[in-house]
N, C-alpha and C. Protein backbone atom coordinates (compact mmCIF):
# COMPACT_ATOMS: atom_id res chain seq x y z
N MET A 1 -133.27 2.72 -62.97
CA MET A 1 -133.80 3.73 -61.72
C MET A 1 -134.06 4.93 -62.86
N ALA A 2 -135.23 5.17 -62.33
CA ALA A 2 -135.80 6.25 -63.75
C ALA A 2 -135.60 7.15 -62.53
N ILE A 3 -135.00 8.55 -63.47
CA ILE A 3 -134.65 10.04 -62.50
C ILE A 3 -134.91 10.67 -63.45
N LYS A 4 -135.57 11.81 -62.98
CA LYS A 4 -136.22 13.11 -63.41
C LYS A 4 -135.83 14.30 -62.80
N PRO A 5 -135.21 15.33 -63.68
CA PRO A 5 -134.93 16.16 -62.55
C PRO A 5 -136.00 17.13 -62.25
N VAL A 6 -136.06 17.68 -60.77
CA VAL A 6 -137.11 18.33 -60.79
C VAL A 6 -137.38 20.12 -60.84
N LYS A 7 -138.07 20.55 -61.50
CA LYS A 7 -138.51 21.26 -62.43
C LYS A 7 -138.74 22.62 -61.54
N THR A 8 -137.44 23.29 -61.11
CA THR A 8 -138.03 24.68 -60.64
C THR A 8 -138.02 25.86 -61.23
N ARG A 9 -138.43 26.78 -60.48
CA ARG A 9 -138.70 28.23 -61.34
C ARG A 9 -137.41 28.69 -61.41
N ARG A 10 -136.38 28.60 -62.39
CA ARG A 10 -135.40 29.21 -62.98
C ARG A 10 -135.43 30.08 -64.10
N PRO A 11 -134.40 31.29 -64.00
CA PRO A 11 -134.88 31.98 -64.97
C PRO A 11 -134.54 30.63 -66.31
N GLY A 12 -135.34 30.82 -67.84
CA GLY A 12 -134.92 30.50 -68.82
C GLY A 12 -135.78 29.23 -68.48
N GLY A 13 -136.74 29.07 -67.53
CA GLY A 13 -137.59 27.79 -67.42
C GLY A 13 -136.63 26.49 -67.90
N LYS A 14 -135.48 26.24 -67.51
CA LYS A 14 -134.73 24.81 -67.86
C LYS A 14 -135.09 24.22 -66.39
N PRO A 15 -134.77 23.07 -66.21
CA PRO A 15 -134.81 22.40 -65.32
C PRO A 15 -133.60 21.94 -65.04
N THR A 16 -133.68 22.19 -63.58
CA THR A 16 -131.63 22.07 -62.60
C THR A 16 -131.24 20.67 -63.01
N ASP A 17 -130.00 20.50 -62.81
CA ASP A 17 -129.15 19.60 -62.75
C ASP A 17 -128.68 19.32 -61.78
N ARG A 18 -128.52 19.60 -60.42
CA ARG A 18 -128.08 19.61 -59.62
C ARG A 18 -128.38 18.10 -58.58
N LEU A 19 -127.31 17.87 -58.34
CA LEU A 19 -127.80 16.60 -57.83
C LEU A 19 -128.78 16.36 -56.32
N MET A 20 -128.64 17.48 -55.77
CA MET A 20 -130.22 17.03 -54.72
C MET A 20 -131.55 18.02 -55.30
N ASP A 21 -131.32 18.29 -56.13
CA ASP A 21 -132.54 18.48 -57.16
C ASP A 21 -133.17 17.30 -58.13
N MET A 22 -132.33 16.07 -57.78
CA MET A 22 -132.91 15.31 -58.83
C MET A 22 -134.11 13.92 -57.69
N GLN A 23 -134.78 13.49 -58.67
CA GLN A 23 -136.39 12.74 -58.42
C GLN A 23 -136.17 11.49 -58.60
N ASP A 24 -136.16 10.50 -57.67
CA ASP A 24 -136.22 9.14 -57.93
C ASP A 24 -137.87 8.66 -58.26
N THR A 25 -137.94 8.52 -59.58
CA THR A 25 -139.34 8.65 -59.69
C THR A 25 -139.47 6.89 -59.61
N ARG A 26 -138.40 5.72 -59.72
CA ARG A 26 -139.49 4.41 -59.94
C ARG A 26 -139.10 3.59 -58.70
N HIS A 27 -138.33 4.04 -57.86
CA HIS A 27 -138.15 2.81 -56.68
C HIS A 27 -138.07 3.92 -55.53
N LYS A 28 -138.69 5.55 -55.20
CA LYS A 28 -138.97 6.10 -54.88
C LYS A 28 -137.68 6.76 -53.47
N GLY A 29 -136.75 6.56 -53.81
CA GLY A 29 -135.54 6.51 -53.07
C GLY A 29 -134.72 5.43 -51.72
N ASP A 30 -135.37 3.87 -52.45
CA ASP A 30 -134.86 2.87 -51.87
C ASP A 30 -133.83 2.50 -52.11
N GLY A 31 -133.21 3.51 -53.00
CA GLY A 31 -131.66 2.58 -53.56
C GLY A 31 -132.06 1.41 -54.86
N ARG A 32 -131.67 0.41 -54.08
CA ARG A 32 -131.55 -0.41 -55.53
C ARG A 32 -132.94 -1.42 -55.12
N GLY A 33 -133.93 -0.93 -54.80
CA GLY A 33 -135.08 -1.84 -54.21
C GLY A 33 -135.25 -3.03 -53.51
N GLY A 34 -134.08 -3.13 -52.88
CA GLY A 34 -133.48 -4.38 -51.91
C GLY A 34 -134.49 -4.68 -50.83
N ASP A 35 -134.42 -5.56 -50.04
CA ASP A 35 -135.63 -6.21 -49.39
C ASP A 35 -135.00 -5.23 -47.64
N LYS A 36 -133.80 -4.22 -47.74
CA LYS A 36 -133.39 -3.95 -46.40
C LYS A 36 -134.45 -2.46 -46.28
N VAL A 37 -134.60 -1.80 -44.52
CA VAL A 37 -135.71 -0.97 -44.48
C VAL A 37 -134.97 -0.41 -43.27
N MET A 38 -135.08 1.19 -43.53
CA MET A 38 -134.43 1.85 -42.43
C MET A 38 -134.72 1.36 -40.41
N MET A 39 -134.30 1.79 -40.06
CA MET A 39 -134.75 1.47 -38.61
C MET A 39 -134.06 2.43 -37.83
N THR A 40 -134.73 3.01 -37.02
CA THR A 40 -133.62 4.62 -36.26
C THR A 40 -134.44 4.27 -34.53
N PHE A 41 -133.13 4.19 -34.07
CA PHE A 41 -133.54 3.90 -32.97
C PHE A 41 -132.45 5.31 -31.63
N MET A 42 -132.65 5.01 -30.39
CA MET A 42 -131.78 5.91 -29.29
C MET A 42 -130.90 5.62 -28.13
N ILE A 43 -129.37 5.47 -28.64
CA ILE A 43 -128.61 4.91 -27.66
C ILE A 43 -127.90 6.08 -27.01
N PRO A 44 -127.57 5.24 -25.15
CA PRO A 44 -126.89 6.62 -24.98
C PRO A 44 -125.58 6.54 -25.60
N ALA A 45 -124.81 7.98 -25.32
CA ALA A 45 -124.18 8.51 -26.05
C ALA A 45 -122.77 7.37 -25.83
N ASP A 46 -122.89 7.50 -24.53
CA ASP A 46 -121.34 6.54 -24.01
C ASP A 46 -121.38 4.84 -24.58
N LEU A 47 -122.57 4.64 -24.69
CA LEU A 47 -122.69 3.26 -25.48
C LEU A 47 -122.22 3.24 -27.27
N ARG A 48 -123.03 3.88 -27.51
CA ARG A 48 -122.61 4.33 -28.89
C ARG A 48 -120.59 4.80 -28.89
N GLN A 49 -120.04 5.32 -27.88
CA GLN A 49 -118.53 5.42 -28.37
C GLN A 49 -118.26 4.17 -28.06
N GLU A 50 -118.53 3.53 -26.96
CA GLU A 50 -118.19 1.82 -27.01
C GLU A 50 -117.89 0.94 -28.04
N LEU A 51 -119.32 1.09 -29.39
CA LEU A 51 -119.86 0.64 -29.91
C LEU A 51 -118.79 0.91 -31.34
N ARG A 52 -118.48 1.81 -31.15
CA ARG A 52 -117.68 2.41 -32.48
C ARG A 52 -116.36 2.14 -32.18
N GLU A 53 -115.92 2.28 -30.83
CA GLU A 53 -114.53 1.85 -30.18
C GLU A 53 -114.24 0.32 -30.57
N ARG A 54 -115.48 -0.57 -30.39
CA ARG A 54 -115.07 -1.94 -30.68
C ARG A 54 -115.22 -2.38 -32.08
N ALA A 55 -115.98 -1.63 -32.72
CA ALA A 55 -115.95 -1.78 -34.25
C ALA A 55 -114.42 -1.44 -34.48
N ASP A 56 -114.12 -0.50 -34.31
CA ASP A 56 -112.94 -0.25 -34.76
C ASP A 56 -111.31 -1.23 -34.31
N GLU A 57 -111.78 -1.82 -33.18
CA GLU A 57 -110.84 -2.93 -32.64
C GLU A 57 -111.15 -3.94 -33.62
N LEU A 58 -112.48 -4.56 -34.07
CA LEU A 58 -112.63 -5.66 -34.88
C LEU A 58 -112.75 -5.69 -36.61
N GLY A 59 -112.03 -4.08 -36.85
CA GLY A 59 -112.34 -4.02 -38.13
C GLY A 59 -113.32 -4.41 -38.68
N THR A 60 -114.39 -3.64 -38.06
CA THR A 60 -115.76 -3.55 -39.01
C THR A 60 -116.39 -2.51 -38.50
N SER A 61 -117.63 -2.69 -38.71
CA SER A 61 -118.74 -1.24 -38.99
C SER A 61 -119.47 -1.33 -37.44
N SER A 62 -119.98 -0.82 -37.20
CA SER A 62 -121.04 -0.32 -36.09
C SER A 62 -122.03 -1.25 -36.21
N ALA A 63 -122.91 -0.71 -37.49
CA ALA A 63 -124.18 -1.65 -38.15
C ALA A 63 -124.08 -2.96 -38.16
N ARG A 64 -122.59 -3.43 -38.68
CA ARG A 64 -122.22 -5.07 -38.47
C ARG A 64 -122.36 -5.32 -37.47
N LEU A 65 -121.93 -5.14 -36.16
CA LEU A 65 -122.22 -5.22 -34.77
C LEU A 65 -123.50 -5.06 -34.48
N ILE A 66 -124.11 -4.52 -34.80
CA ILE A 66 -125.75 -3.98 -34.43
C ILE A 66 -126.63 -5.45 -35.25
N LEU A 67 -126.32 -5.46 -35.76
CA LEU A 67 -126.84 -6.99 -36.86
C LEU A 67 -126.47 -8.14 -36.33
N ASP A 68 -125.53 -8.27 -36.13
CA ASP A 68 -124.85 -9.50 -35.28
C ASP A 68 -125.41 -9.45 -34.28
N GLY A 69 -125.52 -8.69 -33.44
CA GLY A 69 -126.28 -8.50 -31.83
C GLY A 69 -127.72 -9.15 -31.90
N ILE A 70 -128.10 -8.42 -32.95
CA ILE A 70 -129.85 -8.46 -33.17
C ILE A 70 -129.89 -9.91 -33.38
N ARG A 71 -129.42 -10.32 -34.38
CA ARG A 71 -129.30 -11.92 -34.99
C ARG A 71 -129.14 -12.84 -33.22
N MET A 72 -127.74 -12.46 -32.74
CA MET A 72 -127.34 -13.56 -31.49
C MET A 72 -128.46 -13.53 -30.59
N ARG A 73 -129.43 -12.19 -30.20
CA ARG A 73 -130.34 -12.48 -29.55
C ARG A 73 -131.67 -13.34 -30.16
N LEU A 74 -132.05 -13.72 -30.86
CA LEU A 74 -133.11 -13.57 -31.86
C LEU A 74 -132.74 -15.41 -31.95
N GLY A 75 -131.37 -15.51 -31.83
CA GLY A 75 -131.06 -16.95 -32.09
C GLY A 75 -130.88 -17.33 -33.53
N GLN A 76 -130.65 -16.43 -34.22
CA GLN A 76 -130.39 -16.66 -35.83
C GLN A 76 -128.70 -16.32 -35.64
N ASP A 77 -127.89 -17.05 -35.17
CA ASP A 77 -126.68 -17.06 -35.19
C ASP A 77 -126.04 -17.44 -36.59
N ASP A 78 -124.85 -16.71 -37.38
CA ASP A 78 -124.18 -17.11 -38.74
C ASP A 78 -123.42 -18.57 -38.34
């Protein structure tokens, strides 16, 4: 991954080396360049809490439960 410092107007004209000032110039922020995409949606707060509790009970993540549920509804059970 090609990362270059973002040049800012700092005394001395030196580029900053702070983490949040680094810029990914090759993959444009997509990490490893994999085949995953970000998806955002809203759910009721009580459903979110139930999701978290159930994930803890099963020893998995909320994201894993969501993906499993989507696959199940699409008929792509593993």
